[in-house]
Amino acid sequence: KRVMVRSAELLSLLLLQWGGLAPTQAWVSSSSSPKITKAVNAKFSFRLQSSPTLATNEITLDGETIRGPITPLGNYVLVKTKDALSATDGGIFLPDQSKERPTEGMVLAAGPGKIHPHTAVRIHNPVKEGDSVLFGKFDGTSVVYNEEQCQMIRDDDILLYYTDGVTMSLSNVIPCRDYVLIELDEDEQNETVAGIVVASAVTRSNLPCEGTVVKVGEGRLASNGEFTPSPVEVGQRVKFKDYGGNDVLIGGKEYSVVRMVDILCTLNNNDDDADAEDEA
């Protein structure tokens, strides 16, 4: 079906494209027909709103002035990234750049959620503006919004989120949907012949993949918008796939964020079994 576009609207789009802007930075004027606006917005991960205070509060995207603030569409989330801080022995906080850990950030704007392609049910977005989130280091698209480094991610990329507090802690963190937070077993240390102490993970071919469940998400999301319960409970020891977890440091302790489908089995606690036999 062919759609007629006014010459002024077409010229605006062409000038934006020739100016070197990415396709996702295109905009349609507020006077455009509903068909044109809907067709253009469907192609992009966000929409630009018109702002009456543009003269006093200039808004920029990747160094270019835009008409108004960004409104993410569907299940997209605009996140302002921040450095993970770690404390030295002297109490000085330094950015944690020694490991490729997940990225932490604050939600600046969030879409309403995606619509399931088969059931047409709106899948709500689990986070909102002001929440802090943890997501994969290489997830999403990098943008510079109002001279600040940001990331446009999907809600599926979010591992953990928290609404209370400035920093992430075990008390305020919440696994997102079908993720499970697992406290890894304490790493054993081995002493070499030369007397050098090394972590046992260095001498093994696989990373630690066993631990105790400390928190679980809402569950796996079904096509009808409802959650299926988690197959594991808090306090259970579990084994998950090698390289199936995302390493996270909370309160100086190592944890792993694992999807429910990547958990292989639960592990019996020998001490608990022995106590049960004694009671019997």
C-alpha atoms as a PDB file:
ATOM      1  CA  LYS A   1       0.000   0.000   0.000  1.00  0.00           C
ATOM      2  CA  ARG A   2       1.436   3.302  -1.095  1.00  0.00           C
ATOM      3  CA  VAL A   3       1.383   6.207   1.405  1.00  0.00           C
ATOM      4  CA  MET A   4       1.637   9.820   0.230  1.00  0.00           C
ATOM      5  CA  VAL A   5       4.015  12.041   2.235  1.00  0.00           C
ATOM      6  CA  ARG A   6       4.019  15.823   2.216  1.00  0.00           C
ATOM      7  CA  SER A   7       7.088  17.329   0.584  1.00  0.00           C
ATOM      8  CA  ALA A   8       8.119  19.139   3.794  1.00  0.00           C
ATOM      9  CA  GLU A   9       8.101  15.896   5.807  1.00  0.00           C
ATOM     10  CA  LEU A  10      10.042  14.011   3.138  1.00  0.00           C
ATOM     11  CA  LEU A  11      12.614  16.801   2.925  1.00  0.00           C
ATOM     12  CA  SER A  12      13.099  16.732   6.713  1.00  0.00           C
ATOM     13  CA  LEU A  13      13.783  12.990   6.700  1.00  0.00           C
ATOM     14  CA  LEU A  14      16.197  13.270   3.763  1.00  0.00           C
ATOM     15  CA  LEU A  15      18.130  16.110   5.410  1.00  0.00           C
ATOM     16  CA  LEU A  16      18.526  14.045   8.587  1.00  0.00           C
ATOM     17  CA  GLN A  17      19.813  11.080   6.619  1.00  0.00           C
ATOM     18  CA  TRP A  18      22.224  13.150   4.534  1.00  0.00           C
ATOM     19  CA  GLY A  19      23.471  14.866   7.680  1.00  0.00           C
ATOM     20  CA  GLY A  20      25.123  11.655   8.813  1.00  0.00           C
ATOM     21  CA  LEU A  21      22.606  10.677  11.519  1.00  0.00           C
ATOM     22  CA  ALA A  22      21.820   7.061  12.247  1.00  0.00           C
ATOM     23  CA  PRO A  23      18.381   5.787  11.098  1.00  0.00           C
ATOM     24  CA  THR A  24      17.231   5.492  14.734  1.00  0.00           C
ATOM     25  CA  GLN A  25      17.692   9.258  15.147  1.00  0.00           C
ATOM     26  CA  ALA A  26      15.108  10.191  12.501  1.00  0.00           C
ATOM     27  CA  TRP A  27      11.996  12.046  13.600  1.00  0.00           C
ATOM     28  CA  VAL A  28       8.572  12.877  12.273  1.00  0.00           C
ATOM     29  CA  SER A  29       6.936  16.241  12.888  1.00  0.00           C
ATOM     30  CA  SER A  30       4.012  16.429  15.294  1.00  0.00           C
ATOM     31  CA  SER A  31       1.789  17.536  12.409  1.00  0.00           C
ATOM     32  CA  SER A  32       2.435  14.371  10.404  1.00  0.00           C
ATOM     33  CA  SER A  33      -0.438  12.108   9.568  1.00  0.00           C
ATOM     34  CA  PRO A  34      -1.107   9.204  11.991  1.00  0.00           C
ATOM     35  CA  LYS A  35      -0.204   6.656   9.317  1.00  0.00           C
ATOM     36  CA  ILE A  36       3.207   8.246   8.701  1.00  0.00           C
ATOM     37  CA  THR A  37       4.000   8.625  12.412  1.00  0.00           C
ATOM     38  CA  LYS A  38       3.014   5.033  13.180  1.00  0.00           C
ATOM     39  CA  ALA A  39       5.017   3.633  10.260  1.00  0.00           C
ATOM     40  CA  VAL A  40       8.201   5.525  11.227  1.00  0.00           C
ATOM     41  CA  ASN A  41       7.965   4.840  14.982  1.00  0.00           C
ATOM     42  CA  ALA A  42       7.570   1.103  14.335  1.00  0.00           C
ATOM     43  CA  LYS A  43      11.075   1.051  12.842  1.00  0.00           C
ATOM     44  CA  PHE A  44      12.836   2.601  15.813  1.00  0.00           C
ATOM     45  CA  SER A  45      13.609   1.619  19.398  1.00  0.00           C
ATOM     46  CA  PHE A  46      12.558   5.029  20.722  1.00  0.00           C
ATOM     47  CA  ARG A  47      10.483   8.098  19.881  1.00  0.00           C
ATOM     48  CA  LEU A  48      11.440  11.755  20.225  1.00  0.00           C
ATOM     49  CA  GLN A  49       8.895  13.980  21.952  1.00  0.00           C
ATOM     50  CA  SER A  50       8.538  17.652  21.125  1.00  0.00           C
ATOM     51  CA  SER A  51       9.708  19.923  23.960  1.00  0.00           C
ATOM     52  CA  PRO A  52       8.393  23.480  24.463  1.00  0.00           C
ATOM     53  CA  THR A  53      11.419  24.329  26.665  1.00  0.00           C
ATOM     54  CA  LEU A  54      14.045  23.387  24.102  1.00  0.00           C
ATOM     55  CA  ALA A  55      15.484  26.903  24.083  1.00  0.00           C
ATOM     56  CA  THR A  56      16.330  26.792  27.797  1.00  0.00           C
ATOM     57  CA  ASN A  57      17.005  23.061  28.251  1.00  0.00           C
ATOM     58  CA  GLU A  58      18.790  21.772  25.184  1.00  0.00           C
ATOM     59  CA  ILE A  59      18.594  18.003  24.726  1.00  0.00           C
ATOM     60  CA  THR A  60      21.249  16.209  22.698  1.00  0.00           C
ATOM     61  CA  LEU A  61      21.697  12.718  21.286  1.00  0.00           C
ATOM     62  CA  ASP A  62      25.145  11.645  20.065  1.00  0.00           C
ATOM     63  CA  GLY A  63      26.220  15.284  19.930  1.00  0.00           C
ATOM     64  CA  GLU A  64      23.217  16.508  17.916  1.00  0.00           C
ATOM     65  CA  THR A  65      20.381  18.632  19.295  1.00  0.00           C
ATOM     66  CA  ILE A  66      17.005  16.873  19.226  1.00  0.00           C
ATOM     67  CA  ARG A  67      13.458  18.199  19.649  1.00  0.00           C
ATOM     68  CA  GLY A  68      12.671  16.581  22.992  1.00  0.00           C
ATOM     69  CA  PRO A  69      13.408  13.769  25.463  1.00  0.00           C
ATOM     70  CA  ILE A  70      13.641  10.141  24.364  1.00  0.00           C
ATOM     71  CA  THR A  71      10.687   7.831  24.946  1.00  0.00           C
ATOM     72  CA  PRO A  72      11.713   4.143  24.604  1.00  0.00           C
ATOM     73  CA  LEU A  73       9.285   1.955  22.683  1.00  0.00           C
ATOM     74  CA  GLY A  74       8.192  -1.605  23.466  1.00  0.00           C
ATOM     75  CA  ASN A  75      10.534  -3.323  25.903  1.00  0.00           C
ATOM     76  CA  TYR A  76      13.485  -0.984  25.400  1.00  0.00           C
ATOM     77  CA  VAL A  77      15.103   0.687  28.407  1.00  0.00           C
ATOM     78  CA  LEU A  78      17.408   3.729  28.395  1.00  0.00           C
ATOM     79  CA  VAL A  79      20.094   3.278  31.056  1.00  0.00           C
ATOM     80  CA  LYS A  80      22.773   5.684  32.243  1.00  0.00           C
ATOM     81  CA  THR A  81      25.843   3.546  32.878  1.00  0.00           C
ATOM     82  CA  LYS A  82      28.004   3.967  35.960  1.00  0.00           C
ATOM     83  CA  ASP A  83      31.284   2.529  37.188  1.00  0.00           C
ATOM     84  CA  ALA A  84      31.178  -0.325  39.683  1.00  0.00           C
ATOM     85  CA  LEU A  85      33.064   0.824  42.744  1.00  0.00           C
ATOM     86  CA  SER A  86      35.240  -1.327  44.978  1.00  0.00           C
ATOM     87  CA  ALA A  87      36.990  -0.337  48.202  1.00  0.00           C
ATOM     88  CA  THR A  88      40.706  -0.785  48.843  1.00  0.00           C
ATOM     89  CA  ASP A  89      42.141  -1.708  52.245  1.00  0.00           C
ATOM     90  CA  GLY A  90      42.539   2.003  52.969  1.00  0.00           C
ATOM     91  CA  GLY A  91      38.839   2.677  52.314  1.00  0.00           C
ATOM     92  CA  ILE A  92      39.392   4.388  48.947  1.00  0.00           C
ATOM     93  CA  PHE A  93      36.777   3.517  46.308  1.00  0.00           C
ATOM     94  CA  LEU A  94      38.101   2.731  42.846  1.00  0.00           C
ATOM     95  CA  PRO A  95      36.346   1.682  39.606  1.00  0.00           C
ATOM     96  CA  ASP A  96      36.292  -2.092  39.235  1.00  0.00           C
ATOM     97  CA  GLN A  97      38.038  -2.620  35.886  1.00  0.00           C
ATOM     98  CA  SER A  98      39.975  -5.774  36.746  1.00  0.00           C
ATOM     99  CA  LYS A  99      37.210  -8.074  35.458  1.00  0.00           C
ATOM    100  CA  GLU A 100      34.704  -7.982  32.641  1.00  0.00           C
ATOM    101  CA  ARG A 101      31.752  -7.929  34.993  1.00  0.00           C
ATOM    102  CA  PRO A 102      28.181  -6.980  34.047  1.00  0.00           C
ATOM    103  CA  THR A 103      27.475  -3.273  33.724  1.00  0.00           C
ATOM    104  CA  GLU A 104      25.498  -1.350  36.340  1.00  0.00           C
ATOM    105  CA  GLY A 105      23.347   1.648  35.552  1.00  0.00           C
ATOM    106  CA  MET A 106      20.289   3.742  36.384  1.00  0.00           C
ATOM    107  CA  VAL A 107      17.088   3.701  34.331  1.00  0.00           C
ATOM    108  CA  LEU A 108      16.370   7.088  32.724  1.00  0.00           C
ATOM    109  CA  ALA A 109      13.301   5.932  30.783  1.00  0.00           C
ATOM    110  CA  ALA A 110      11.533   2.633  30.090  1.00  0.00           C
ATOM    111  CA  GLY A 111       9.012   1.508  27.500  1.00  0.00           C
ATOM    112  CA  PRO A 112       5.645  -0.003  28.430  1.00  0.00           C
ATOM    113  CA  GLY A 113       6.742  -3.518  27.460  1.00  0.00           C
ATOM    114  CA  LYS A 114       6.550  -5.667  24.356  1.00  0.00           C
ATOM    115  CA  ILE A 115       3.457  -7.275  22.879  1.00  0.00           C
ATOM    116  CA  HIS A 116       3.644 -11.050  22.439  1.00  0.00           C
ATOM    117  CA  PRO A 117       3.538 -11.808  18.683  1.00  0.00           C
ATOM    118  CA  HIS A 118       1.151 -14.775  19.047  1.00  0.00           C
ATOM    119  CA  THR A 119      -1.209 -13.831  21.888  1.00  0.00           C
ATOM    120  CA  ALA A 120      -1.099 -10.004  21.600  1.00  0.00           C
ATOM    121  CA  VAL A 121      -0.663  -9.840  25.396  1.00  0.00           C
ATOM    122  CA  ARG A 122       1.345  -6.892  26.708  1.00  0.00           C
ATOM    123  CA  ILE A 123       4.409  -8.201  28.596  1.00  0.00           C
ATOM    124  CA  HIS A 124       5.021  -5.519  31.222  1.00  0.00           C
ATOM    125  CA  ASN A 125       8.442  -3.963  31.635  1.00  0.00           C
ATOM    126  CA  PRO A 126       9.919  -5.051  35.008  1.00  0.00           C
ATOM    127  CA  VAL A 127      11.744  -1.747  35.652  1.00  0.00           C
ATOM    128  CA  LYS A 128      10.813   1.917  35.719  1.00  0.00           C
ATOM    129  CA  GLU A 129      12.538   5.292  35.770  1.00  0.00           C
ATOM    130  CA  GLY A 130      14.874   5.644  38.760  1.00  0.00           C
ATOM    131  CA  ASP A 131      15.545   1.927  39.233  1.00  0.00           C
ATOM    132  CA  SER A 132      19.124   0.632  39.130  1.00  0.00           C
ATOM    133  CA  VAL A 133      19.869  -2.360  36.928  1.00  0.00           C
ATOM    134  CA  LEU A 134      22.647  -4.798  36.159  1.00  0.00           C
ATOM    135  CA  PHE A 135      22.994  -6.027  32.570  1.00  0.00           C
ATOM    136  CA  GLY A 136      25.506  -7.767  30.314  1.00  0.00           C
ATOM    137  CA  LYS A 137      28.664  -5.838  29.474  1.00  0.00           C
ATOM    138  CA  PHE A 138      28.102  -6.032  25.717  1.00  0.00           C
ATOM    139  CA  ASP A 139      24.278  -5.833  25.671  1.00  0.00           C
ATOM    140  CA  GLY A 140      22.368  -3.057  23.953  1.00  0.00           C
ATOM    141  CA  THR A 141      23.358  -0.072  21.845  1.00  0.00           C
ATOM    142  CA  SER A 142      25.655   2.664  23.136  1.00  0.00           C
ATOM    143  CA  VAL A 143      24.394   6.262  22.866  1.00  0.00           C
ATOM    144  CA  VAL A 144      25.505   9.619  24.266  1.00  0.00           C
ATOM    145  CA  TYR A 145      22.396  11.291  25.693  1.00  0.00           C
ATOM    146  CA  ASN A 146      22.750  14.831  27.069  1.00  0.00           C
ATOM    147  CA  GLU A 147      26.548  14.411  27.089  1.00  0.00           C
ATOM    148  CA  GLU A 148      26.313  11.286  29.272  1.00  0.00           C
ATOM    149  CA  GLN A 149      27.217   7.725  28.302  1.00  0.00           C
ATOM    150  CA  CYS A 150      24.051   5.647  28.108  1.00  0.00           C
ATOM    151  CA  GLN A 151      22.927   2.282  26.826  1.00  0.00           C
ATOM    152  CA  MET A 152      19.677   1.354  25.080  1.00  0.00           C
ATOM    153  CA  ILE A 153      18.922  -2.220  26.198  1.00  0.00           C
ATOM    154  CA  ARG A 154      15.949  -4.596  26.197  1.00  0.00           C
ATOM    155  CA  ASP A 155      14.262  -5.766  29.390  1.00  0.00           C
ATOM    156  CA  ASP A 156      15.488  -9.286  28.505  1.00  0.00           C
ATOM    157  CA  ASP A 157      19.077  -8.058  29.008  1.00  0.00           C
ATOM    158  CA  ILE A 158      18.493  -7.147  32.678  1.00  0.00           C
ATOM    159  CA  LEU A 159      20.029  -9.604  35.165  1.00  0.00           C
ATOM    160  CA  LEU A 160      19.271  -7.879  38.481  1.00  0.00           C
ATOM    161  CA  TYR A 161      17.608  -4.661  39.578  1.00  0.00           C
ATOM    162  CA  TYR A 162      17.051  -2.757  42.809  1.00  0.00           C
ATOM    163  CA  THR A 163      14.978   0.251  43.811  1.00  0.00           C
ATOM    164  CA  ASP A 164      16.327   1.089  47.282  1.00  0.00           C
ATOM    165  CA  GLY A 165      19.807   2.374  48.059  1.00  0.00           C
ATOM    166  CA  VAL A 166      22.617   3.839  46.010  1.00  0.00           C
ATOM    167  CA  THR A 167      24.691   0.661  45.779  1.00  0.00           C
ATOM    168  CA  MET A 168      23.755  -2.952  45.185  1.00  0.00           C
ATOM    169  CA  SER A 169      23.474  -5.177  48.255  1.00  0.00           C
ATOM    170  CA  LEU A 170      22.093  -8.620  48.982  1.00  0.00           C
ATOM    171  CA  SER A 171      19.131  -7.120  50.835  1.00  0.00           C
ATOM    172  CA  ASN A 172      17.874  -4.858  48.026  1.00  0.00           C
ATOM    173  CA  VAL A 173      18.766  -6.738  44.855  1.00  0.00           C
ATOM    174  CA  ILE A 174      16.045  -8.606  42.905  1.00  0.00           C
ATOM    175  CA  PRO A 175      16.725 -11.181  40.140  1.00  0.00           C
ATOM    176  CA  CYS A 176      14.855 -10.245  36.982  1.00  0.00           C
ATOM    177  CA  ARG A 177      12.147 -12.699  35.911  1.00  0.00           C
ATOM    178  CA  ASP A 178      13.669 -16.163  35.334  1.00  0.00           C
ATOM    179  CA  TYR A 179      17.091 -15.385  36.805  1.00  0.00           C
ATOM    180  CA  VAL A 180      18.399 -16.941  40.028  1.00  0.00           C
ATOM    181  CA  LEU A 181      21.095 -15.464  42.273  1.00  0.00           C
ATOM    182  CA  ILE A 182      23.508 -18.144  43.480  1.00  0.00           C
ATOM    183  CA  GLU A 183      26.211 -17.758  46.121  1.00  0.00           C
ATOM    184  CA  LEU A 184      29.221 -19.631  44.813  1.00  0.00           C
ATOM    185  CA  ASP A 185      31.004 -22.184  46.958  1.00  0.00           C
ATOM    186  CA  GLU A 186      34.077 -20.837  48.736  1.00  0.00           C
ATOM    187  CA  ASP A 187      37.071 -21.253  46.472  1.00  0.00           C
ATOM    188  CA  GLU A 188      39.641 -23.678  47.821  1.00  0.00           C
ATOM    189  CA  GLN A 189      43.315 -22.738  47.723  1.00  0.00           C
ATOM    190  CA  ASN A 190      46.192 -25.034  46.833  1.00  0.00           C
ATOM    191  CA  GLU A 191      49.867 -24.578  47.633  1.00  0.00           C
ATOM    192  CA  THR A 192      52.391 -25.355  44.920  1.00  0.00           C
ATOM    193  CA  VAL A 193      55.790 -26.987  45.480  1.00  0.00           C
ATOM    194  CA  ALA A 194      57.399 -23.539  45.461  1.00  0.00           C
ATOM    195  CA  GLY A 195      55.055 -22.423  48.256  1.00  0.00           C
ATOM    196  CA  ILE A 196      52.877 -20.193  46.060  1.00  0.00           C
ATOM    197  CA  VAL A 197      49.183 -20.276  46.991  1.00  0.00           C
ATOM    198  CA  VAL A 198      46.810 -20.225  44.011  1.00  0.00           C
ATOM    199  CA  ALA A 199      43.053 -20.472  43.722  1.00  0.00           C
ATOM    200  CA  SER A 200      41.751 -23.884  42.762  1.00  0.00           C
ATOM    201  CA  ALA A 201      39.808 -22.316  39.886  1.00  0.00           C
ATOM    202  CA  VAL A 202      43.124 -21.539  38.227  1.00  0.00           C
ATOM    203  CA  THR A 203      44.102 -25.215  38.188  1.00  0.00           C
ATOM    204  CA  ARG A 204      40.744 -26.407  36.856  1.00  0.00           C
ATOM    205  CA  SER A 205      39.534 -26.283  33.288  1.00  0.00           C
ATOM    206  CA  ASN A 206      36.044 -25.151  34.316  1.00  0.00           C
ATOM    207  CA  LEU A 207      34.786 -22.186  36.298  1.00  0.00           C
ATOM    208  CA  PRO A 208      32.864 -22.729  39.567  1.00  0.00           C
ATOM    209  CA  CYS A 209      29.362 -23.949  38.716  1.00  0.00           C
ATOM    210  CA  GLU A 210      27.973 -24.980  42.114  1.00  0.00           C
ATOM    211  CA  GLY A 211      26.507 -22.930  44.910  1.00  0.00           C
ATOM    212  CA  THR A 212      23.554 -22.071  47.127  1.00  0.00           C
ATOM    213  CA  VAL A 213      20.435 -20.276  45.926  1.00  0.00           C
ATOM    214  CA  VAL A 214      20.003 -16.995  47.800  1.00  0.00           C
ATOM    215  CA  LYS A 215      17.314 -15.274  45.708  1.00  0.00           C
ATOM    216  CA  VAL A 216      14.961 -16.205  42.863  1.00  0.00           C
ATOM    217  CA  GLY A 217      13.066 -14.090  40.327  1.00  0.00           C
ATOM    218  CA  GLU A 218       9.337 -14.048  39.615  1.00  0.00           C
ATOM    219  CA  GLY A 219       9.677 -17.009  37.269  1.00  0.00           C
ATOM    220  CA  ARG A 220       9.720 -17.819  33.589  1.00  0.00           C
ATOM    221  CA  LEU A 221       7.307 -15.664  31.605  1.00  0.00           C
ATOM    222  CA  ALA A 222       4.657 -17.494  29.562  1.00  0.00           C
ATOM    223  CA  SER A 223       2.941 -16.218  26.411  1.00  0.00           C
ATOM    224  CA  ASN A 224      -0.183 -15.277  28.404  1.00  0.00           C
ATOM    225  CA  GLY A 225       1.810 -12.861  30.572  1.00  0.00           C
ATOM    226  CA  GLU A 226       1.814 -15.091  33.655  1.00  0.00           C
ATOM    227  CA  PHE A 227       4.887 -16.460  35.444  1.00  0.00           C
ATOM    228  CA  THR A 228       5.684 -20.135  35.949  1.00  0.00           C
ATOM    229  CA  PRO A 229       7.189 -20.797  39.407  1.00  0.00           C
ATOM    230  CA  SER A 230      10.898 -21.294  39.905  1.00  0.00           C
ATOM    231  CA  PRO A 231      12.061 -24.955  39.983  1.00  0.00           C
ATOM    232  CA  VAL A 232      14.468 -24.176  42.850  1.00  0.00           C
ATOM    233  CA  GLU A 233      14.049 -22.540  46.251  1.00  0.00           C
ATOM    234  CA  VAL A 234      16.187 -20.315  48.441  1.00  0.00           C
ATOM    235  CA  GLY A 235      18.664 -22.387  50.468  1.00  0.00           C
ATOM    236  CA  GLN A 236      19.021 -25.247  47.969  1.00  0.00           C
ATOM    237  CA  ARG A 237      22.443 -26.176  46.638  1.00  0.00           C
ATOM    238  CA  VAL A 238      22.467 -26.432  42.851  1.00  0.00           C
ATOM    239  CA  LYS A 239      24.739 -27.204  39.922  1.00  0.00           C
ATOM    240  CA  PHE A 240      24.441 -25.195  36.721  1.00  0.00           C
ATOM    241  CA  LYS A 241      25.972 -25.337  33.244  1.00  0.00           C
ATOM    242  CA  ASP A 242      29.625 -24.494  32.787  1.00  0.00           C
ATOM    243  CA  TYR A 243      29.946 -20.839  31.744  1.00  0.00           C
ATOM    244  CA  GLY A 244      26.164 -20.545  32.202  1.00  0.00           C
ATOM    245  CA  GLY A 245      26.325 -17.870  34.898  1.00  0.00           C
ATOM    246  CA  ASN A 246      27.150 -14.172  35.007  1.00  0.00           C
ATOM    247  CA  ASP A 247      29.671 -13.387  37.745  1.00  0.00           C
ATOM    248  CA  VAL A 248      28.684 -10.616  40.110  1.00  0.00           C
ATOM    249  CA  LEU A 249      30.380  -9.133  43.191  1.00  0.00           C
ATOM    250  CA  ILE A 250      27.961  -8.113  45.972  1.00  0.00           C
ATOM    251  CA  GLY A 251      29.282  -6.988  49.338  1.00  0.00           C
ATOM    252  CA  GLY A 252      32.726  -8.400  48.562  1.00  0.00           C
ATOM    253  CA  LYS A 253      31.387 -11.925  47.887  1.00  0.00           C
ATOM    254  CA  GLU A 254      31.203 -13.794  44.603  1.00  0.00           C
ATOM    255  CA  TYR A 255      27.773 -14.640  43.208  1.00  0.00           C
ATOM    256  CA  SER A 256      26.500 -15.885  39.883  1.00  0.00           C
ATOM    257  CA  VAL A 257      23.276 -14.902  38.116  1.00  0.00           C
ATOM    258  CA  VAL A 258      21.910 -17.925  36.243  1.00  0.00           C
ATOM    259  CA  ARG A 259      18.785 -18.498  34.177  1.00  0.00           C
ATOM    260  CA  MET A 260      16.451 -21.153  35.568  1.00  0.00           C
ATOM    261  CA  VAL A 261      16.796 -23.273  32.417  1.00  0.00           C
ATOM    262  CA  ASP A 262      20.583 -23.431  32.905  1.00  0.00           C
ATOM    263  CA  ILE A 263      20.320 -25.059  36.352  1.00  0.00           C
ATOM    264  CA  LEU A 264      21.039 -28.767  35.906  1.00  0.00           C
ATOM    265  CA  CYS A 265      20.110 -30.268  39.278  1.00  0.00           C
ATOM    266  CA  THR A 266      19.881 -29.775  43.017  1.00  0.00           C
ATOM    267  CA  LEU A 267      22.582 -31.215  45.287  1.00  0.00           C
ATOM    268  CA  ASN A 268      21.846 -33.072  48.507  1.00  0.00           C
ATOM    269  CA  ASN A 269      23.536 -31.825  51.638  1.00  0.00           C
ATOM    270  CA  ASN A 270      25.335 -34.758  53.278  1.00  0.00           C
ATOM    271  CA  ASP A 271      25.125 -33.197  56.720  1.00  0.00           C
ATOM    272  CA  ASP A 272      21.362 -32.754  56.449  1.00  0.00           C
ATOM    273  CA  ASP A 273      20.976 -36.360  55.231  1.00  0.00           C
ATOM    274  CA  ALA A 274      23.028 -37.628  58.160  1.00  0.00           C
ATOM    275  CA  ASP A 275      20.907 -35.640  60.626  1.00  0.00           C
ATOM    276  CA  ALA A 276      17.739 -37.014  59.033  1.00  0.00           C
ATOM    277  CA  GLU A 277      19.024 -40.583  59.375  1.00  0.00           C
ATOM    278  CA  ASP A 278      19.918 -39.988  63.051  1.00  0.00           C
ATOM    279  CA  GLU A 279      16.452 -38.645  63.764  1.00  0.00           C
ATOM    280  CA  ALA A 280      14.921 -41.694  62.047  1.00  0.00           C
END
